[in-house]
């Protein structure tokens, strides 16, 4: 609900409903899936109900899959995902393995190390024309210790900011931040917004990383205020370490990951799909 274009009454009603329906109880967000290749009507209805309210839903696939990549593609398709991002780490279908990499080219990226990942949305460094609107994450193997994710609905962050400050418009321009050119991976300089409405649905581009992101000087105080809200609003954080067979679908909410430890016989392995289509339009 765009506070800049909606009536105050409509916005307040939406914000009240959003906060009132919020839950961080993982049991209320988890759906058991028997066959990811063909969801039952009850499974699909439950997933969509949670997604519509929370912008995220967790799932557990109880039965091992012969081809987990194909199964995840089929699962995502049933939620309207597609037009996947293809990059140097993904295969030809857009599926990416997230694991500790010894390859120097891959290992320089934090997701492919065991280092902590600060709060961010996926694809904040992409061009606006290549926007990531949803993603799926699935756990094949979990780490021995650590590797817990925290998730926060970006609509909640938007509401909490509007409750304290009256300048959300500063965070909605197309040049709030700049991602410098990266000659190694041939990425051009990119500018972006933090909040924007796409087809009347809120989208967020954001990162708390200090490296390779330059914030517009005139809005640094506003950005810091947003960062503080995200970090300190722990009652709106969903904390969960994905176990083998578990995954999460989201409309590109804000998320982070703690550091983790692997052993010789137990290495953390997740699969990811990034889509340019939103779930629950």
C-alpha atoms as a PDB file:
ATOM      1  CA  UNK A   1       0.000   0.000   0.000  1.00  0.00           C
ATOM      2  CA  UNK A   2       1.716   3.167  -1.225  1.00  0.00           C
ATOM      3  CA  UNK A   3       1.563   5.762   1.550  1.00  0.00           C
ATOM      4  CA  UNK A   4       2.309   8.459  -1.024  1.00  0.00           C
ATOM      5  CA  UNK A   5      -0.756   7.759  -3.181  1.00  0.00           C
ATOM      6  CA  UNK A   6      -3.268   6.047  -0.877  1.00  0.00           C
ATOM      7  CA  UNK A   7      -5.705   7.705   1.476  1.00  0.00           C
ATOM      8  CA  UNK A   8      -4.598   7.758   5.092  1.00  0.00           C
ATOM      9  CA  UNK A   9      -7.550   5.571   6.060  1.00  0.00           C
ATOM     10  CA  UNK A  10      -6.750   2.889   3.463  1.00  0.00           C
ATOM     11  CA  UNK A  11      -3.068   2.882   4.364  1.00  0.00           C
ATOM     12  CA  UNK A  12      -3.716   2.650   8.107  1.00  0.00           C
ATOM     13  CA  UNK A  13      -6.148  -0.215   7.577  1.00  0.00           C
ATOM     14  CA  UNK A  14      -3.612  -2.114   5.459  1.00  0.00           C
ATOM     15  CA  UNK A  15      -0.788  -1.489   7.952  1.00  0.00           C
ATOM     16  CA  UNK A  16      -2.974  -2.545  10.886  1.00  0.00           C
ATOM     17  CA  UNK A  17      -4.039  -5.748   9.133  1.00  0.00           C
ATOM     18  CA  UNK A  18      -0.435  -6.509   8.177  1.00  0.00           C
ATOM     19  CA  UNK A  19       0.931  -6.091  11.689  1.00  0.00           C
ATOM     20  CA  UNK A  20      -2.059  -7.842  13.221  1.00  0.00           C
ATOM     21  CA  UNK A  21      -1.649 -10.973  11.106  1.00  0.00           C
ATOM     22  CA  UNK A  22       2.124 -11.203  11.597  1.00  0.00           C
ATOM     23  CA  UNK A  23       3.653 -14.343  13.071  1.00  0.00           C
ATOM     24  CA  UNK A  24       7.246 -15.463  13.576  1.00  0.00           C
ATOM     25  CA  UNK A  25       6.227 -18.919  14.784  1.00  0.00           C
ATOM     26  CA  UNK A  26       7.870 -21.297  12.329  1.00  0.00           C
ATOM     27  CA  UNK A  27       5.123 -23.872  12.929  1.00  0.00           C
ATOM     28  CA  UNK A  28       2.591 -21.403  11.530  1.00  0.00           C
ATOM     29  CA  UNK A  29       4.762 -20.760   8.481  1.00  0.00           C
ATOM     30  CA  UNK A  30       5.708 -24.355   7.586  1.00  0.00           C
ATOM     31  CA  UNK A  31       3.785 -26.511   5.108  1.00  0.00           C
ATOM     32  CA  UNK A  32       4.380 -30.245   4.705  1.00  0.00           C
ATOM     33  CA  UNK A  33       4.632 -31.225   1.028  1.00  0.00           C
ATOM     34  CA  UNK A  34       4.250 -34.851  -0.023  1.00  0.00           C
ATOM     35  CA  UNK A  35       5.034 -34.471  -3.716  1.00  0.00           C
ATOM     36  CA  UNK A  36       6.697 -31.267  -4.984  1.00  0.00           C
ATOM     37  CA  UNK A  37       5.971 -32.308  -8.572  1.00  0.00           C
ATOM     38  CA  UNK A  38       2.240 -31.951  -7.956  1.00  0.00           C
ATOM     39  CA  UNK A  39       0.954 -30.098  -4.920  1.00  0.00           C
ATOM     40  CA  UNK A  40      -2.396 -31.078  -3.485  1.00  0.00           C
ATOM     41  CA  UNK A  41      -5.072 -28.398  -3.423  1.00  0.00           C
ATOM     42  CA  UNK A  42      -4.835 -28.124   0.372  1.00  0.00           C
ATOM     43  CA  UNK A  43      -1.027 -27.791   0.271  1.00  0.00           C
ATOM     44  CA  UNK A  44      -1.179 -25.115  -2.412  1.00  0.00           C
ATOM     45  CA  UNK A  45      -4.004 -23.198  -0.721  1.00  0.00           C
ATOM     46  CA  UNK A  46      -2.143 -23.188   2.592  1.00  0.00           C
ATOM     47  CA  UNK A  47       1.073 -21.995   0.958  1.00  0.00           C
ATOM     48  CA  UNK A  48      -0.657 -19.162  -0.884  1.00  0.00           C
ATOM     49  CA  UNK A  49      -2.541 -18.085   2.244  1.00  0.00           C
ATOM     50  CA  UNK A  50       0.715 -17.788   4.213  1.00  0.00           C
ATOM     51  CA  UNK A  51       2.529 -16.098   1.326  1.00  0.00           C
ATOM     52  CA  UNK A  52      -0.228 -13.533   0.889  1.00  0.00           C
ATOM     53  CA  UNK A  53      -0.020 -12.594   4.558  1.00  0.00           C
ATOM     54  CA  UNK A  54       3.703 -12.964   5.287  1.00  0.00           C
ATOM     55  CA  UNK A  55       5.485 -12.764   1.883  1.00  0.00           C
ATOM     56  CA  UNK A  56       7.230 -16.010   2.821  1.00  0.00           C
ATOM     57  CA  UNK A  57       6.325 -19.643   3.359  1.00  0.00           C
ATOM     58  CA  UNK A  58       8.500 -22.514   4.572  1.00  0.00           C
ATOM     59  CA  UNK A  59       8.048 -26.037   3.286  1.00  0.00           C
ATOM     60  CA  UNK A  60       9.255 -29.510   4.131  1.00  0.00           C
ATOM     61  CA  UNK A  61       9.557 -32.208   1.466  1.00  0.00           C
ATOM     62  CA  UNK A  62       9.285 -35.431   3.408  1.00  0.00           C
ATOM     63  CA  UNK A  63      10.285 -37.856   0.674  1.00  0.00           C
ATOM     64  CA  UNK A  64      13.782 -37.823  -0.909  1.00  0.00           C
ATOM     65  CA  UNK A  65      13.725 -36.740  -4.570  1.00  0.00           C
ATOM     66  CA  UNK A  66      15.578 -38.562  -7.342  1.00  0.00           C
ATOM     67  CA  UNK A  67      16.254 -35.262  -9.124  1.00  0.00           C
ATOM     68  CA  UNK A  68      15.991 -32.424  -6.620  1.00  0.00           C
ATOM     69  CA  UNK A  69      16.777 -29.771  -9.221  1.00  0.00           C
ATOM     70  CA  UNK A  70      13.846 -30.804 -11.408  1.00  0.00           C
ATOM     71  CA  UNK A  71      11.590 -31.132  -8.341  1.00  0.00           C
ATOM     72  CA  UNK A  72      12.398 -27.598  -7.198  1.00  0.00           C
ATOM     73  CA  UNK A  73      11.783 -26.233 -10.693  1.00  0.00           C
ATOM     74  CA  UNK A  74       8.375 -27.919 -10.765  1.00  0.00           C
ATOM     75  CA  UNK A  75       7.544 -26.716  -7.262  1.00  0.00           C
ATOM     76  CA  UNK A  76       8.435 -23.127  -8.161  1.00  0.00           C
ATOM     77  CA  UNK A  77       6.432 -23.315 -11.400  1.00  0.00           C
ATOM     78  CA  UNK A  78       3.277 -24.055  -9.403  1.00  0.00           C
ATOM     79  CA  UNK A  79       3.737 -20.722  -7.643  1.00  0.00           C
ATOM     80  CA  UNK A  80       4.113 -18.774 -10.876  1.00  0.00           C
ATOM     81  CA  UNK A  81       7.870 -18.422 -10.678  1.00  0.00           C
ATOM     82  CA  UNK A  82       9.943 -18.394 -13.861  1.00  0.00           C
ATOM     83  CA  UNK A  83      12.203 -16.176 -15.948  1.00  0.00           C
ATOM     84  CA  UNK A  84      15.051 -17.127 -13.653  1.00  0.00           C
ATOM     85  CA  UNK A  85      18.254 -15.202 -13.249  1.00  0.00           C
ATOM     86  CA  UNK A  86      21.170 -16.860 -15.002  1.00  0.00           C
ATOM     87  CA  UNK A  87      24.630 -16.021 -13.738  1.00  0.00           C
ATOM     88  CA  UNK A  88      28.097 -17.519 -13.508  1.00  0.00           C
ATOM     89  CA  UNK A  89      27.101 -19.666 -10.505  1.00  0.00           C
ATOM     90  CA  UNK A  90      23.809 -21.046 -11.868  1.00  0.00           C
ATOM     91  CA  UNK A  91      23.171 -23.833 -14.327  1.00  0.00           C
ATOM     92  CA  UNK A  92      21.276 -23.343 -17.580  1.00  0.00           C
ATOM     93  CA  UNK A  93      17.920 -23.535 -15.759  1.00  0.00           C
ATOM     94  CA  UNK A  94      18.826 -20.895 -13.175  1.00  0.00           C
ATOM     95  CA  UNK A  95      19.405 -23.324 -10.296  1.00  0.00           C
ATOM     96  CA  UNK A  96      22.367 -22.356  -8.130  1.00  0.00           C
ATOM     97  CA  UNK A  97      24.261 -24.425  -5.579  1.00  0.00           C
ATOM     98  CA  UNK A  98      25.061 -22.436  -2.442  1.00  0.00           C
ATOM     99  CA  UNK A  99      28.065 -24.016  -0.753  1.00  0.00           C
ATOM    100  CA  UNK A 100      31.565 -23.132   0.358  1.00  0.00           C
ATOM    101  CA  UNK A 101      33.681 -22.702  -2.768  1.00  0.00           C
ATOM    102  CA  UNK A 102      37.434 -23.075  -3.030  1.00  0.00           C
ATOM    103  CA  UNK A 103      37.370 -21.621  -6.536  1.00  0.00           C
ATOM    104  CA  UNK A 104      38.848 -18.135  -6.220  1.00  0.00           C
ATOM    105  CA  UNK A 105      36.320 -16.545  -8.585  1.00  0.00           C
ATOM    106  CA  UNK A 106      33.371 -17.944  -6.629  1.00  0.00           C
ATOM    107  CA  UNK A 107      34.924 -17.797  -3.179  1.00  0.00           C
ATOM    108  CA  UNK A 108      35.243 -14.023  -3.227  1.00  0.00           C
ATOM    109  CA  UNK A 109      31.426 -13.800  -2.948  1.00  0.00           C
ATOM    110  CA  UNK A 110      30.158 -14.068   0.639  1.00  0.00           C
ATOM    111  CA  UNK A 111      27.300 -16.532  -0.120  1.00  0.00           C
ATOM    112  CA  UNK A 112      29.923 -19.072  -1.226  1.00  0.00           C
ATOM    113  CA  UNK A 113      31.877 -18.858   2.029  1.00  0.00           C
ATOM    114  CA  UNK A 114      30.989 -19.662   5.631  1.00  0.00           C
ATOM    115  CA  UNK A 115      31.130 -15.986   6.580  1.00  0.00           C
ATOM    116  CA  UNK A 116      28.027 -14.232   7.965  1.00  0.00           C
ATOM    117  CA  UNK A 117      25.721 -12.542   5.459  1.00  0.00           C
ATOM    118  CA  UNK A 118      24.302  -9.214   6.610  1.00  0.00           C
ATOM    119  CA  UNK A 119      20.713  -8.114   5.963  1.00  0.00           C
ATOM    120  CA  UNK A 120      19.952  -7.762   2.250  1.00  0.00           C
ATOM    121  CA  UNK A 121      17.494  -8.484  -0.529  1.00  0.00           C
ATOM    122  CA  UNK A 122      18.585 -10.586  -3.478  1.00  0.00           C
ATOM    123  CA  UNK A 123      19.673  -8.779  -6.628  1.00  0.00           C
ATOM    124  CA  UNK A 124      20.056  -5.326  -5.069  1.00  0.00           C
ATOM    125  CA  UNK A 125      23.096  -4.924  -7.340  1.00  0.00           C
ATOM    126  CA  UNK A 126      21.166  -5.804 -10.516  1.00  0.00           C
ATOM    127  CA  UNK A 127      19.956  -3.214 -12.960  1.00  0.00           C
ATOM    128  CA  UNK A 128      16.369  -2.097 -12.363  1.00  0.00           C
ATOM    129  CA  UNK A 129      15.427  -3.818 -15.644  1.00  0.00           C
ATOM    130  CA  UNK A 130      16.711  -7.109 -14.180  1.00  0.00           C
ATOM    131  CA  UNK A 131      14.835  -6.984 -10.890  1.00  0.00           C
ATOM    132  CA  UNK A 132      14.528 -10.092  -8.693  1.00  0.00           C
ATOM    133  CA  UNK A 133      10.968 -10.311  -7.345  1.00  0.00           C
ATOM    134  CA  UNK A 134      10.968 -13.750  -5.715  1.00  0.00           C
ATOM    135  CA  UNK A 135      13.276 -16.577  -4.757  1.00  0.00           C
ATOM    136  CA  UNK A 136      13.322 -20.145  -3.486  1.00  0.00           C
ATOM    137  CA  UNK A 137      15.932 -21.586  -1.126  1.00  0.00           C
ATOM    138  CA  UNK A 138      16.160 -25.294  -0.328  1.00  0.00           C
ATOM    139  CA  UNK A 139      18.448 -27.202   2.059  1.00  0.00           C
ATOM    140  CA  UNK A 140      20.038 -30.448   0.881  1.00  0.00           C
ATOM    141  CA  UNK A 141      22.609 -30.606   3.689  1.00  0.00           C
ATOM    142  CA  UNK A 142      22.837 -28.408   6.776  1.00  0.00           C
ATOM    143  CA  UNK A 143      26.009 -27.335   8.572  1.00  0.00           C
ATOM    144  CA  UNK A 144      27.256 -28.893  11.799  1.00  0.00           C
ATOM    145  CA  UNK A 145      26.725 -25.616  13.632  1.00  0.00           C
ATOM    146  CA  UNK A 146      25.590 -22.125  12.709  1.00  0.00           C
ATOM    147  CA  UNK A 147      24.092 -21.196   9.368  1.00  0.00           C
ATOM    148  CA  UNK A 148      20.856 -19.876  10.864  1.00  0.00           C
ATOM    149  CA  UNK A 149      18.837 -17.554   8.654  1.00  0.00           C
ATOM    150  CA  UNK A 150      16.828 -14.561   9.786  1.00  0.00           C
ATOM    151  CA  UNK A 151      14.000 -13.285   7.623  1.00  0.00           C
ATOM    152  CA  UNK A 152      11.956 -10.066   7.748  1.00  0.00           C
ATOM    153  CA  UNK A 153       9.004  -9.137   5.569  1.00  0.00           C
ATOM    154  CA  UNK A 154       9.994  -5.986   3.670  1.00  0.00           C
ATOM    155  CA  UNK A 155       6.426  -4.687   3.975  1.00  0.00           C
ATOM    156  CA  UNK A 156       6.849  -4.728   7.761  1.00  0.00           C
ATOM    157  CA  UNK A 157      10.063  -2.707   7.469  1.00  0.00           C
ATOM    158  CA  UNK A 158       8.225  -0.205   5.255  1.00  0.00           C
ATOM    159  CA  UNK A 159       5.386   0.147   7.788  1.00  0.00           C
ATOM    160  CA  UNK A 160       7.717   0.521  10.763  1.00  0.00           C
ATOM    161  CA  UNK A 161       9.678   3.224   8.968  1.00  0.00           C
ATOM    162  CA  UNK A 162       6.488   5.121   8.151  1.00  0.00           C
ATOM    163  CA  UNK A 163       5.438   4.954  11.785  1.00  0.00           C
ATOM    164  CA  UNK A 164       8.540   6.880  12.871  1.00  0.00           C
ATOM    165  CA  UNK A 165       9.469   9.076   9.919  1.00  0.00           C
ATOM    166  CA  UNK A 166       7.694  11.183   7.333  1.00  0.00           C
ATOM    167  CA  UNK A 167      10.245  11.037   4.517  1.00  0.00           C
ATOM    168  CA  UNK A 168       9.753   7.658   2.858  1.00  0.00           C
ATOM    169  CA  UNK A 169       9.824   9.434  -0.510  1.00  0.00           C
ATOM    170  CA  UNK A 170      13.592   9.889  -0.066  1.00  0.00           C
ATOM    171  CA  UNK A 171      14.026   6.117  -0.209  1.00  0.00           C
ATOM    172  CA  UNK A 172      11.918   5.694  -3.345  1.00  0.00           C
ATOM    173  CA  UNK A 173      13.966   7.593  -5.928  1.00  0.00           C
ATOM    174  CA  UNK A 174      15.979   5.680  -8.551  1.00  0.00           C
ATOM    175  CA  UNK A 175      19.353   6.934  -7.332  1.00  0.00           C
ATOM    176  CA  UNK A 176      19.295   6.201  -3.592  1.00  0.00           C
ATOM    177  CA  UNK A 177      22.491   4.171  -3.977  1.00  0.00           C
ATOM    178  CA  UNK A 178      25.112   3.295  -6.552  1.00  0.00           C
ATOM    179  CA  UNK A 179      26.808  -0.061  -7.126  1.00  0.00           C
ATOM    180  CA  UNK A 180      30.192   0.716  -8.710  1.00  0.00           C
ATOM    181  CA  UNK A 181      31.276  -0.943 -11.929  1.00  0.00           C
ATOM    182  CA  UNK A 182      32.836  -4.389 -11.466  1.00  0.00           C
ATOM    183  CA  UNK A 183      35.279  -5.077 -14.283  1.00  0.00           C
ATOM    184  CA  UNK A 184      35.972  -8.633 -13.097  1.00  0.00           C
ATOM    185  CA  UNK A 185      32.437  -9.862 -13.754  1.00  0.00           C
ATOM    186  CA  UNK A 186      31.710  -7.186 -16.395  1.00  0.00           C
ATOM    187  CA  UNK A 187      28.929  -5.602 -14.319  1.00  0.00           C
ATOM    188  CA  UNK A 188      28.225  -1.989 -15.198  1.00  0.00           C
ATOM    189  CA  UNK A 189      27.604   0.728 -12.627  1.00  0.00           C
ATOM    190  CA  UNK A 190      24.059   0.439 -11.298  1.00  0.00           C
ATOM    191  CA  UNK A 191      21.806   2.839  -9.418  1.00  0.00           C
ATOM    192  CA  UNK A 192      18.759   1.800  -7.460  1.00  0.00           C
ATOM    193  CA  UNK A 193      15.879   2.619  -5.131  1.00  0.00           C
ATOM    194  CA  UNK A 194      15.132   1.049  -1.742  1.00  0.00           C
ATOM    195  CA  UNK A 195      11.342   0.955  -1.983  1.00  0.00           C
ATOM    196  CA  UNK A 196       9.207   0.938  -5.104  1.00  0.00           C
ATOM    197  CA  UNK A 197       5.775  -0.309  -6.095  1.00  0.00           C
ATOM    198  CA  UNK A 198       5.681  -2.694  -9.042  1.00  0.00           C
ATOM    199  CA  UNK A 199       2.170  -3.604 -10.206  1.00  0.00           C
ATOM    200  CA  UNK A 200       0.877  -2.159  -6.917  1.00  0.00           C
ATOM    201  CA  UNK A 201       3.067  -4.513  -4.860  1.00  0.00           C
ATOM    202  CA  UNK A 202       5.957  -3.285  -2.728  1.00  0.00           C
ATOM    203  CA  UNK A 203       9.450  -4.244  -3.814  1.00  0.00           C
ATOM    204  CA  UNK A 204      12.661  -3.551  -1.916  1.00  0.00           C
ATOM    205  CA  UNK A 205      16.323  -3.320  -2.960  1.00  0.00           C
ATOM    206  CA  UNK A 206      18.627  -3.141   0.031  1.00  0.00           C
ATOM    207  CA  UNK A 207      21.880  -4.225   1.632  1.00  0.00           C
ATOM    208  CA  UNK A 208      23.637  -3.528   4.908  1.00  0.00           C
ATOM    209  CA  UNK A 209      26.972  -4.443   3.357  1.00  0.00           C
ATOM    210  CA  UNK A 210      29.417  -1.561   3.528  1.00  0.00           C
ATOM    211  CA  UNK A 211      31.506  -2.790   0.615  1.00  0.00           C
ATOM    212  CA  UNK A 212      30.698  -1.988  -3.027  1.00  0.00           C
ATOM    213  CA  UNK A 213      27.648   0.149  -2.303  1.00  0.00           C
ATOM    214  CA  UNK A 214      27.612   3.954  -2.173  1.00  0.00           C
ATOM    215  CA  UNK A 215      24.624   5.687  -0.604  1.00  0.00           C
ATOM    216  CA  UNK A 216      23.460   9.103  -1.759  1.00  0.00           C
ATOM    217  CA  UNK A 217      24.864  11.588   0.752  1.00  0.00           C
ATOM    218  CA  UNK A 218      21.602  13.470   1.257  1.00  0.00           C
ATOM    219  CA  UNK A 219      19.753  10.360   2.480  1.00  0.00           C
ATOM    220  CA  UNK A 220      22.419   8.623   4.592  1.00  0.00           C
ATOM    221  CA  UNK A 221      20.613   9.529   7.836  1.00  0.00           C
ATOM    222  CA  UNK A 222      17.392   8.042   6.483  1.00  0.00           C
ATOM    223  CA  UNK A 223      19.192   4.863   5.413  1.00  0.00           C
ATOM    224  CA  UNK A 224      20.769   4.540   8.844  1.00  0.00           C
ATOM    225  CA  UNK A 225      17.348   4.941  10.428  1.00  0.00           C
ATOM    226  CA  UNK A 226      16.036   2.124   8.256  1.00  0.00           C
ATOM    227  CA  UNK A 227      19.000  -0.078   9.141  1.00  0.00           C
ATOM    228  CA  UNK A 228      18.338   0.528  12.837  1.00  0.00           C
ATOM    229  CA  UNK A 229      14.687  -0.430  12.453  1.00  0.00           C
ATOM    230  CA  UNK A 230      15.582  -3.655  10.668  1.00  0.00           C
ATOM    231  CA  UNK A 231      18.243  -4.677  13.190  1.00  0.00           C
ATOM    232  CA  UNK A 232      16.306  -3.744  16.329  1.00  0.00           C
ATOM    233  CA  UNK A 233      12.823  -4.960  15.372  1.00  0.00           C
ATOM    234  CA  UNK A 234      13.600  -8.490  16.553  1.00  0.00           C
ATOM    235  CA  UNK A 235       9.953  -9.228  17.274  1.00  0.00           C
ATOM    236  CA  UNK A 236       9.466  -9.163  13.494  1.00  0.00           C
ATOM    237  CA  UNK A 237      12.383 -11.483  12.709  1.00  0.00           C
ATOM    238  CA  UNK A 238      11.768 -15.087  11.724  1.00  0.00           C
ATOM    239  CA  UNK A 239      14.754 -17.117  12.935  1.00  0.00           C
ATOM    240  CA  UNK A 240      15.180 -20.550  11.424  1.00  0.00           C
ATOM    241  CA  UNK A 241      17.983 -22.876  10.373  1.00  0.00           C
ATOM    242  CA  UNK A 242      16.838 -24.822   7.339  1.00  0.00           C
ATOM    243  CA  UNK A 243      17.146 -28.573   7.881  1.00  0.00           C
ATOM    244  CA  UNK A 244      17.609 -31.135   5.090  1.00  0.00           C
ATOM    245  CA  UNK A 245      14.394 -31.329   3.093  1.00  0.00           C
ATOM    246  CA  UNK A 246      13.246 -27.868   4.141  1.00  0.00           C
ATOM    247  CA  UNK A 247      13.029 -24.736   2.051  1.00  0.00           C
ATOM    248  CA  UNK A 248      11.471 -21.310   1.820  1.00  0.00           C
ATOM    249  CA  UNK A 249       9.671 -19.338  -0.905  1.00  0.00           C
ATOM    250  CA  UNK A 250       9.574 -15.547  -0.624  1.00  0.00           C
ATOM    251  CA  UNK A 251       8.701 -12.364  -2.487  1.00  0.00           C
ATOM    252  CA  UNK A 252      12.338 -11.276  -2.053  1.00  0.00           C
ATOM    253  CA  UNK A 253      12.083 -10.367   1.608  1.00  0.00           C
ATOM    254  CA  UNK A 254      15.054  -9.087   3.641  1.00  0.00           C
ATOM    255  CA  UNK A 255      17.210 -11.849   5.068  1.00  0.00           C
ATOM    256  CA  UNK A 256      20.582 -12.634   6.619  1.00  0.00           C
ATOM    257  CA  UNK A 257      22.678 -15.652   7.638  1.00  0.00           C
ATOM    258  CA  UNK A 258      24.973 -16.383  10.556  1.00  0.00           C
ATOM    259  CA  UNK A 259      28.411 -17.897  10.115  1.00  0.00           C
ATOM    260  CA  UNK A 260      28.604 -21.690  10.104  1.00  0.00           C
ATOM    261  CA  UNK A 261      30.988 -24.614  10.491  1.00  0.00           C
ATOM    262  CA  UNK A 262      31.427 -27.532   8.122  1.00  0.00           C
ATOM    263  CA  UNK A 263      33.228 -30.784   8.781  1.00  0.00           C
ATOM    264  CA  UNK A 264      34.948 -33.173   6.398  1.00  0.00           C
ATOM    265  CA  UNK A 265      31.871 -35.369   6.161  1.00  0.00           C
ATOM    266  CA  UNK A 266      29.147 -32.743   6.557  1.00  0.00           C
ATOM    267  CA  UNK A 267      29.092 -29.777   4.198  1.00  0.00           C
ATOM    268  CA  UNK A 268      26.294 -27.240   4.001  1.00  0.00           C
ATOM    269  CA  UNK A 269      24.547 -27.329   0.603  1.00  0.00           C
ATOM    270  CA  UNK A 270      21.549 -25.246  -0.408  1.00  0.00           C
ATOM    271  CA  UNK A 271      19.872 -24.713  -3.770  1.00  0.00           C
ATOM    272  CA  UNK A 272      18.501 -21.369  -4.936  1.00  0.00           C
ATOM    273  CA  UNK A 273      16.211 -20.098  -7.682  1.00  0.00           C
ATOM    274  CA  UNK A 274      15.865 -16.360  -8.316  1.00  0.00           C
ATOM    275  CA  UNK A 275      12.839 -15.271 -10.331  1.00  0.00           C
ATOM    276  CA  UNK A 276      11.916 -12.044 -12.079  1.00  0.00           C
ATOM    277  CA  UNK A 277       8.266 -12.872 -11.375  1.00  0.00           C
ATOM    278  CA  UNK A 278       6.455 -12.182  -8.131  1.00  0.00           C
ATOM    279  CA  UNK A 279       4.485 -14.835  -6.253  1.00  0.00           C
ATOM    280  CA  UNK A 280       0.911 -13.949  -5.260  1.00  0.00           C
ATOM    281  CA  UNK A 281       0.315 -11.092  -7.695  1.00  0.00           C
END
